[in-house]
Amino acid sequence: MAEGMGDVNGLADDRALLGRTSTAERVSDILRSRIAEGYFPPGTRLSEDSIGGALGVSRNTLREAFRLLTHERLLEHQLNRGVFVRVLTEADVVDIYRTRSLVECAVVRGLGTPPYTVDGLADAVAEGRRAAREADWKGVSTANIHFHRELVALAGSERTDELMRSVFAELRLAFHVVDDPRRLHEPYLVRNRQILQALQEGRRDEAETLLAEYLDDSLRGVVDAYAARVADGERTGA
């Protein structure tokens, strides 16, 4: 995978998010969001000069942010080469989905008595449909992640939200290996709507069942993409 800098466009706009009390935690929040939105693909080398200049932060602050994201398994430091966005293994993907199943299904199971506040889910479904109409499959992927982020937010737990922010950022790294993003993501536009509708109508148990099946099928799709990538590499000697 490419080792180029990736897309730093827009980071200067994020600079305002740092406010007057620039911290490594806020820088790591920005970079995590950029990874989750697909701006920095796996294998990308992150330039301290480019990112630090765009955000207007010191080298020490940026290095601390890199350290935090390395701890979250989003980045890795390669000796004498620099800091890179991680390339996930198939085992990483399986573990990500295991975590998603444990957390997301538990969130739905624990929703309590309807009605549920699902405006964020509805917005993410609409976002995905708009992106699909424009054949923007990266946008569909982003909307899909937004849908599940909003689903987790239904728990009303800052700790769970924080845990899953890193998981969803890792998930985006997994999606980068898929050669046909339309084939992977398009079916889930309908399935997201089905989960949304079940929750809108107060059918929590059905929503949990739909979600569990969804995650199982999605895992198989991504693992198959990894297997195909490995097979292609073996054929080409890469």
C-alpha atoms as a PDB file:
ATOM      1  CA  MET A   1       0.000   0.000   0.000  1.00  0.00           C
ATOM      2  CA  ALA A   2       1.122   3.555  -0.630  1.00  0.00           C
ATOM      3  CA  GLU A   3       3.398   5.319   1.809  1.00  0.00           C
ATOM      4  CA  GLY A   4       2.501   8.830   0.631  1.00  0.00           C
ATOM      5  CA  MET A   5       1.428  11.521   2.991  1.00  0.00           C
ATOM      6  CA  GLY A   6      -2.262  11.069   2.306  1.00  0.00           C
ATOM      7  CA  ASP A   7      -4.772  13.894   2.374  1.00  0.00           C
ATOM      8  CA  VAL A   8      -3.907  16.753   4.735  1.00  0.00           C
ATOM      9  CA  ASN A   9      -6.354  19.064   2.982  1.00  0.00           C
ATOM     10  CA  GLY A  10      -8.795  20.417   5.488  1.00  0.00           C
ATOM     11  CA  LEU A  11      -6.595  19.973   8.546  1.00  0.00           C
ATOM     12  CA  ALA A  12      -6.063  23.725   8.662  1.00  0.00           C
ATOM     13  CA  ASP A  13      -9.842  24.044   9.021  1.00  0.00           C
ATOM     14  CA  ASP A  14      -9.707  21.658  11.976  1.00  0.00           C
ATOM     15  CA  ARG A  15      -7.173  23.933  13.616  1.00  0.00           C
ATOM     16  CA  ALA A  16     -10.042  25.984  15.070  1.00  0.00           C
ATOM     17  CA  LEU A  17     -11.116  22.911  17.040  1.00  0.00           C
ATOM     18  CA  LEU A  18      -7.946  23.128  19.089  1.00  0.00           C
ATOM     19  CA  GLY A  19      -9.017  26.379  20.690  1.00  0.00           C
ATOM     20  CA  ARG A  20      -6.588  28.234  22.892  1.00  0.00           C
ATOM     21  CA  THR A  21      -5.573  25.211  24.934  1.00  0.00           C
ATOM     22  CA  SER A  22      -3.984  23.007  22.303  1.00  0.00           C
ATOM     23  CA  THR A  23      -3.480  19.491  23.655  1.00  0.00           C
ATOM     24  CA  ALA A  24      -2.275  16.165  22.325  1.00  0.00           C
ATOM     25  CA  GLU A  25      -5.678  14.677  23.158  1.00  0.00           C
ATOM     26  CA  ARG A  26      -7.433  17.162  20.888  1.00  0.00           C
ATOM     27  CA  VAL A  27      -4.935  16.585  18.100  1.00  0.00           C
ATOM     28  CA  SER A  28      -5.441  12.829  18.433  1.00  0.00           C
ATOM     29  CA  ASP A  29      -9.222  13.368  18.277  1.00  0.00           C
ATOM     30  CA  ILE A  30      -8.822  15.232  14.979  1.00  0.00           C
ATOM     31  CA  LEU A  31      -6.490  12.650  13.452  1.00  0.00           C
ATOM     32  CA  ARG A  32      -8.679   9.773  14.645  1.00  0.00           C
ATOM     33  CA  SER A  33     -11.669  11.397  12.962  1.00  0.00           C
ATOM     34  CA  ARG A  34      -9.678  11.870   9.763  1.00  0.00           C
ATOM     35  CA  ILE A  35      -8.694   8.209   9.778  1.00  0.00           C
ATOM     36  CA  ALA A  36     -12.315   7.217  10.406  1.00  0.00           C
ATOM     37  CA  GLU A  37     -13.427   9.386   7.481  1.00  0.00           C
ATOM     38  CA  GLY A  38     -10.944   7.653   5.190  1.00  0.00           C
ATOM     39  CA  TYR A  39      -8.508  10.521   4.598  1.00  0.00           C
ATOM     40  CA  PHE A  40      -5.433   8.562   5.698  1.00  0.00           C
ATOM     41  CA  PRO A  41      -5.405   5.035   4.216  1.00  0.00           C
ATOM     42  CA  PRO A  42      -3.459   2.117   5.736  1.00  0.00           C
ATOM     43  CA  GLY A  43       0.249   2.345   5.049  1.00  0.00           C
ATOM     44  CA  THR A  44       0.247   6.155   4.879  1.00  0.00           C
ATOM     45  CA  ARG A  45       3.333   7.780   6.373  1.00  0.00           C
ATOM     46  CA  LEU A  46       2.332  10.754   8.525  1.00  0.00           C
ATOM     47  CA  SER A  47       4.598  13.758   8.170  1.00  0.00           C
ATOM     48  CA  GLU A  48       5.232  15.669  11.376  1.00  0.00           C
ATOM     49  CA  ASP A  49       6.042  18.838   9.425  1.00  0.00           C
ATOM     50  CA  SER A  50       2.923  18.755   7.246  1.00  0.00           C
ATOM     51  CA  ILE A  51       0.451  17.864   9.981  1.00  0.00           C
ATOM     52  CA  GLY A  52       2.053  20.031  12.633  1.00  0.00           C
ATOM     53  CA  GLY A  53       2.096  22.976  10.237  1.00  0.00           C
ATOM     54  CA  ALA A  54      -1.530  22.463   9.197  1.00  0.00           C
ATOM     55  CA  LEU A  55      -2.734  22.290  12.795  1.00  0.00           C
ATOM     56  CA  GLY A  56      -0.284  24.832  14.177  1.00  0.00           C
ATOM     57  CA  VAL A  57       0.949  22.587  16.970  1.00  0.00           C
ATOM     58  CA  SER A  58       4.403  21.834  18.273  1.00  0.00           C
ATOM     59  CA  ARG A  59       6.388  18.766  17.328  1.00  0.00           C
ATOM     60  CA  ASN A  60       6.198  17.497  20.918  1.00  0.00           C
ATOM     61  CA  THR A  61       2.398  17.843  21.000  1.00  0.00           C
ATOM     62  CA  LEU A  62       2.082  16.007  17.696  1.00  0.00           C
ATOM     63  CA  ARG A  63       4.398  13.215  18.820  1.00  0.00           C
ATOM     64  CA  GLU A  64       2.291  12.743  21.947  1.00  0.00           C
ATOM     65  CA  ALA A  65      -0.837  12.555  19.773  1.00  0.00           C
ATOM     66  CA  PHE A  66       0.888   9.950  17.608  1.00  0.00           C
ATOM     67  CA  ARG A  67       1.750   7.989  20.758  1.00  0.00           C
ATOM     68  CA  LEU A  68      -1.883   8.022  21.887  1.00  0.00           C
ATOM     69  CA  LEU A  69      -3.099   6.778  18.513  1.00  0.00           C
ATOM     70  CA  THR A  70      -0.398   4.102  18.456  1.00  0.00           C
ATOM     71  CA  HIS A  71      -1.761   2.886  21.778  1.00  0.00           C
ATOM     72  CA  GLU A  72      -5.198   2.697  20.106  1.00  0.00           C
ATOM     73  CA  ARG A  73      -3.675   0.545  17.339  1.00  0.00           C
ATOM     74  CA  LEU A  74      -4.399   3.113  14.644  1.00  0.00           C
ATOM     75  CA  LEU A  75      -0.759   4.072  14.037  1.00  0.00           C
ATOM     76  CA  GLU A  76       2.567   2.300  14.287  1.00  0.00           C
ATOM     77  CA  HIS A  77       6.107   3.600  14.643  1.00  0.00           C
ATOM     78  CA  GLN A  78       8.626   1.977  12.343  1.00  0.00           C
ATOM     79  CA  LEU A  79      12.222   2.388  13.453  1.00  0.00           C
ATOM     80  CA  ASN A  80      14.175   4.865  11.313  1.00  0.00           C
ATOM     81  CA  ARG A  81      11.200   5.261   8.977  1.00  0.00           C
ATOM     82  CA  GLY A  82       8.564   7.234  10.852  1.00  0.00           C
ATOM     83  CA  VAL A  83       4.938   6.903  11.879  1.00  0.00           C
ATOM     84  CA  PHE A  84       2.471   5.048   9.642  1.00  0.00           C
ATOM     85  CA  VAL A  85      -1.238   4.320   9.626  1.00  0.00           C
ATOM     86  CA  ARG A  86      -1.556   0.645  10.526  1.00  0.00           C
ATOM     87  CA  VAL A  87      -2.302  -2.061   8.000  1.00  0.00           C
ATOM     88  CA  LEU A  88      -4.693  -4.441   9.729  1.00  0.00           C
ATOM     89  CA  THR A  89      -4.509  -8.218   9.677  1.00  0.00           C
ATOM     90  CA  GLU A  90      -7.440 -10.585   9.261  1.00  0.00           C
ATOM     91  CA  ALA A  91      -7.172 -11.358  12.991  1.00  0.00           C
ATOM     92  CA  ASP A  92      -7.576  -7.635  13.697  1.00  0.00           C
ATOM     93  CA  VAL A  93     -10.749  -7.585  11.604  1.00  0.00           C
ATOM     94  CA  VAL A  94     -12.245 -10.567  13.437  1.00  0.00           C
ATOM     95  CA  ASP A  95     -11.496  -8.934  16.790  1.00  0.00           C
ATOM     96  CA  ILE A  96     -13.021  -5.615  15.669  1.00  0.00           C
ATOM     97  CA  TYR A  97     -16.251  -7.344  14.725  1.00  0.00           C
ATOM     98  CA  ARG A  98     -16.262  -9.361  17.935  1.00  0.00           C
ATOM     99  CA  THR A  99     -16.084  -6.094  19.863  1.00  0.00           C
ATOM    100  CA  ARG A 100     -18.785  -4.536  17.695  1.00  0.00           C
ATOM    101  CA  SER A 101     -21.139  -7.452  18.281  1.00  0.00           C
ATOM    102  CA  LEU A 102     -20.593  -7.383  22.030  1.00  0.00           C
ATOM    103  CA  VAL A 103     -21.142  -3.627  22.311  1.00  0.00           C
ATOM    104  CA  GLU A 104     -23.687  -2.774  19.621  1.00  0.00           C
ATOM    105  CA  CYS A 105     -26.039  -5.672  20.332  1.00  0.00           C
ATOM    106  CA  ALA A 106     -25.842  -4.939  24.075  1.00  0.00           C
ATOM    107  CA  VAL A 107     -26.746  -1.301  23.408  1.00  0.00           C
ATOM    108  CA  VAL A 108     -29.883  -2.296  21.494  1.00  0.00           C
ATOM    109  CA  ARG A 109     -30.782  -4.954  24.074  1.00  0.00           C
ATOM    110  CA  GLY A 110     -30.548  -2.392  26.877  1.00  0.00           C
ATOM    111  CA  LEU A 111     -32.641   0.356  25.290  1.00  0.00           C
ATOM    112  CA  GLY A 112     -35.582  -0.120  27.614  1.00  0.00           C
ATOM    113  CA  THR A 113     -39.100   1.005  26.854  1.00  0.00           C
ATOM    114  CA  PRO A 114     -39.839   2.781  23.544  1.00  0.00           C
ATOM    115  CA  PRO A 115     -40.074   5.288  21.992  1.00  0.00           C
ATOM    116  CA  TYR A 116     -36.391   5.620  21.170  1.00  0.00           C
ATOM    117  CA  THR A 117     -34.631   8.770  20.029  1.00  0.00           C
ATOM    118  CA  VAL A 118     -33.333   7.699  16.626  1.00  0.00           C
ATOM    119  CA  ASP A 119     -32.978  11.009  14.778  1.00  0.00           C
ATOM    120  CA  GLY A 120     -29.220  10.475  14.450  1.00  0.00           C
ATOM    121  CA  LEU A 121     -29.786   7.050  12.907  1.00  0.00           C
ATOM    122  CA  ALA A 122     -32.315   8.499  10.454  1.00  0.00           C
ATOM    123  CA  ASP A 123     -29.842  11.217   9.441  1.00  0.00           C
ATOM    124  CA  ALA A 124     -27.143   8.592   8.792  1.00  0.00           C
ATOM    125  CA  VAL A 125     -29.546   6.512   6.678  1.00  0.00           C
ATOM    126  CA  ALA A 126     -30.405   9.599   4.618  1.00  0.00           C
ATOM    127  CA  GLU A 127     -26.695  10.423   4.285  1.00  0.00           C
ATOM    128  CA  GLY A 128     -26.008   6.946   2.927  1.00  0.00           C
ATOM    129  CA  ARG A 129     -28.828   7.134   0.408  1.00  0.00           C
ATOM    130  CA  ARG A 130     -27.597  10.514  -0.873  1.00  0.00           C
ATOM    131  CA  ALA A 131     -24.067   9.174  -1.293  1.00  0.00           C
ATOM    132  CA  ALA A 132     -25.363   6.096  -3.139  1.00  0.00           C
ATOM    133  CA  ARG A 133     -27.353   8.236  -5.583  1.00  0.00           C
ATOM    134  CA  GLU A 134     -24.079  10.004  -6.419  1.00  0.00           C
ATOM    135  CA  ALA A 135     -22.195   6.672  -6.663  1.00  0.00           C
ATOM    136  CA  ASP A 136     -19.968   7.924  -3.834  1.00  0.00           C
ATOM    137  CA  TRP A 137     -19.148   4.591  -2.235  1.00  0.00           C
ATOM    138  CA  LYS A 138     -16.575   6.069   0.108  1.00  0.00           C
ATOM    139  CA  GLY A 139     -19.370   8.353   1.280  1.00  0.00           C
ATOM    140  CA  VAL A 140     -21.665   5.347   1.734  1.00  0.00           C
ATOM    141  CA  SER A 141     -18.976   3.697   3.848  1.00  0.00           C
ATOM    142  CA  THR A 142     -18.676   6.844   5.966  1.00  0.00           C
ATOM    143  CA  ALA A 143     -22.452   7.052   6.391  1.00  0.00           C
ATOM    144  CA  ASN A 144     -22.478   3.419   7.456  1.00  0.00           C
ATOM    145  CA  ILE A 145     -19.937   4.126  10.171  1.00  0.00           C
ATOM    146  CA  HIS A 146     -21.971   7.167  11.230  1.00  0.00           C
ATOM    147  CA  PHE A 147     -25.052   4.947  11.528  1.00  0.00           C
ATOM    148  CA  HIS A 148     -23.323   2.572  13.910  1.00  0.00           C
ATOM    149  CA  ARG A 149     -21.745   5.409  15.866  1.00  0.00           C
ATOM    150  CA  GLU A 150     -25.219   6.874  16.383  1.00  0.00           C
ATOM    151  CA  LEU A 151     -26.506   3.440  17.370  1.00  0.00           C
ATOM    152  CA  VAL A 152     -23.854   3.185  20.081  1.00  0.00           C
ATOM    153  CA  ALA A 153     -24.722   6.723  21.221  1.00  0.00           C
ATOM    154  CA  LEU A 154     -28.220   5.498  22.125  1.00  0.00           C
ATOM    155  CA  ALA A 155     -26.637   4.008  25.257  1.00  0.00           C
ATOM    156  CA  GLY A 156     -25.965   7.527  26.549  1.00  0.00           C
ATOM    157  CA  SER A 157     -22.528   6.459  27.773  1.00  0.00           C
ATOM    158  CA  GLU A 158     -19.484   8.642  27.167  1.00  0.00           C
ATOM    159  CA  ARG A 159     -17.200   5.714  28.003  1.00  0.00           C
ATOM    160  CA  THR A 160     -18.833   3.486  25.413  1.00  0.00           C
ATOM    161  CA  ASP A 161     -18.724   6.276  22.833  1.00  0.00           C
ATOM    162  CA  GLU A 162     -15.004   6.763  23.505  1.00  0.00           C
ATOM    163  CA  LEU A 163     -14.262   3.040  23.241  1.00  0.00           C
ATOM    164  CA  MET A 164     -16.103   2.694  19.960  1.00  0.00           C
ATOM    165  CA  ARG A 165     -14.578   5.792  18.339  1.00  0.00           C
ATOM    166  CA  SER A 166     -11.301   3.903  18.095  1.00  0.00           C
ATOM    167  CA  VAL A 167     -13.018   0.711  16.970  1.00  0.00           C
ATOM    168  CA  PHE A 168     -14.839   2.518  14.158  1.00  0.00           C
ATOM    169  CA  ALA A 169     -11.616   4.225  13.081  1.00  0.00           C
ATOM    170  CA  GLU A 170      -9.972   0.783  12.865  1.00  0.00           C
ATOM    171  CA  LEU A 171     -12.986  -0.436  10.916  1.00  0.00           C
ATOM    172  CA  ARG A 172     -12.348   2.198   8.263  1.00  0.00           C
ATOM    173  CA  LEU A 173      -8.805   0.840   7.896  1.00  0.00           C
ATOM    174  CA  ALA A 174     -10.288  -2.604   7.304  1.00  0.00           C
ATOM    175  CA  PHE A 175     -12.639  -1.252   4.625  1.00  0.00           C
ATOM    176  CA  HIS A 176      -9.665   0.041   2.629  1.00  0.00           C
ATOM    177  CA  VAL A 177      -8.720  -3.476   1.510  1.00  0.00           C
ATOM    178  CA  VAL A 178     -12.047  -3.934  -0.284  1.00  0.00           C
ATOM    179  CA  ASP A 179     -11.602  -3.661  -4.048  1.00  0.00           C
ATOM    180  CA  ASP A 180     -15.335  -3.340  -4.731  1.00  0.00           C
ATOM    181  CA  PRO A 181     -16.761  -1.006  -2.052  1.00  0.00           C
ATOM    182  CA  ARG A 182     -20.144  -0.859  -3.747  1.00  0.00           C
ATOM    183  CA  ARG A 183     -20.572  -4.605  -3.455  1.00  0.00           C
ATOM    184  CA  LEU A 184     -19.630  -4.488   0.229  1.00  0.00           C
ATOM    185  CA  HIS A 185     -21.589  -1.430   1.349  1.00  0.00           C
ATOM    186  CA  GLU A 186     -24.663  -1.121  -0.875  1.00  0.00           C
ATOM    187  CA  PRO A 187     -26.649  -4.013   0.692  1.00  0.00           C
ATOM    188  CA  TYR A 188     -26.333  -2.410   4.116  1.00  0.00           C
ATOM    189  CA  LEU A 189     -28.199   0.711   3.042  1.00  0.00           C
ATOM    190  CA  VAL A 190     -31.371  -1.395   3.095  1.00  0.00           C
ATOM    191  CA  ARG A 191     -30.375  -3.212   6.269  1.00  0.00           C
ATOM    192  CA  ASN A 192     -29.668   0.057   8.087  1.00  0.00           C
ATOM    193  CA  ARG A 193     -33.171   1.206   7.142  1.00  0.00           C
ATOM    194  CA  GLN A 194     -34.632  -2.049   8.459  1.00  0.00           C
ATOM    195  CA  ILE A 195     -32.892  -1.622  11.815  1.00  0.00           C
ATOM    196  CA  LEU A 196     -34.007   2.007  11.967  1.00  0.00           C
ATOM    197  CA  GLN A 197     -37.617   1.092  11.189  1.00  0.00           C
ATOM    198  CA  ALA A 198     -37.666  -1.651  13.821  1.00  0.00           C
ATOM    199  CA  LEU A 199     -36.450   0.827  16.446  1.00  0.00           C
ATOM    200  CA  GLN A 200     -38.872   3.531  15.297  1.00  0.00           C
ATOM    201  CA  GLU A 201     -41.697   1.031  15.799  1.00  0.00           C
ATOM    202  CA  GLY A 202     -40.387  -0.083  19.184  1.00  0.00           C
ATOM    203  CA  ARG A 203     -39.435  -3.591  18.027  1.00  0.00           C
ATOM    204  CA  ARG A 204     -36.193  -3.763  19.969  1.00  0.00           C
ATOM    205  CA  ASP A 205     -35.738  -7.556  19.887  1.00  0.00           C
ATOM    206  CA  GLU A 206     -36.171  -7.613  16.115  1.00  0.00           C
ATOM    207  CA  ALA A 207     -33.675  -4.758  15.749  1.00  0.00           C
ATOM    208  CA  GLU A 208     -31.118  -6.718  17.775  1.00  0.00           C
ATOM    209  CA  THR A 209     -31.628  -9.821  15.628  1.00  0.00           C
ATOM    210  CA  LEU A 210     -31.261  -7.773  12.427  1.00  0.00           C
ATOM    211  CA  LEU A 211     -28.116  -6.153  13.801  1.00  0.00           C
ATOM    212  CA  ALA A 212     -26.499  -9.447  14.828  1.00  0.00           C
ATOM    213  CA  GLU A 213     -27.141 -10.946  11.382  1.00  0.00           C
ATOM    214  CA  TYR A 214     -25.866  -7.746   9.766  1.00  0.00           C
ATOM    215  CA  LEU A 215     -22.575  -7.862  11.673  1.00  0.00           C
ATOM    216  CA  ASP A 216     -22.035 -11.557  10.924  1.00  0.00           C
ATOM    217  CA  ASP A 217     -22.580 -10.987   7.197  1.00  0.00           C
ATOM    218  CA  SER A 218     -20.419  -7.865   7.144  1.00  0.00           C
ATOM    219  CA  LEU A 219     -17.569  -9.718   8.860  1.00  0.00           C
ATOM    220  CA  ARG A 220     -17.702 -12.466   6.247  1.00  0.00           C
ATOM    221  CA  GLY A 221     -17.599  -9.882   3.458  1.00  0.00           C
ATOM    222  CA  VAL A 222     -14.544  -8.106   4.838  1.00  0.00           C
ATOM    223  CA  VAL A 223     -12.709 -11.350   5.671  1.00  0.00           C
ATOM    224  CA  ASP A 224     -13.386 -12.590   2.125  1.00  0.00           C
ATOM    225  CA  ALA A 225     -11.891  -9.331   0.816  1.00  0.00           C
ATOM    226  CA  TYR A 226      -8.779  -9.941   2.929  1.00  0.00           C
ATOM    227  CA  ALA A 227      -8.489 -13.499   1.648  1.00  0.00           C
ATOM    228  CA  ALA A 228      -8.791 -12.265  -1.952  1.00  0.00           C
ATOM    229  CA  ARG A 229      -6.120  -9.639  -1.349  1.00  0.00           C
ATOM    230  CA  VAL A 230      -3.740 -12.255   0.084  1.00  0.00           C
ATOM    231  CA  ALA A 231      -4.425 -14.589  -2.861  1.00  0.00           C
ATOM    232  CA  ASP A 232      -3.745 -11.769  -5.344  1.00  0.00           C
ATOM    233  CA  GLY A 233      -0.489 -10.996  -3.572  1.00  0.00           C
ATOM    234  CA  GLU A 234       0.604 -14.621  -3.740  1.00  0.00           C
ATOM    235  CA  ARG A 235      -0.189 -14.786  -7.470  1.00  0.00           C
ATOM    236  CA  THR A 236       1.717 -11.611  -8.241  1.00  0.00           C
ATOM    237  CA  GLY A 237       4.528 -12.281  -5.779  1.00  0.00           C
ATOM    238  CA  ALA A 238       3.796  -9.018  -3.956  1.00  0.00           C
END
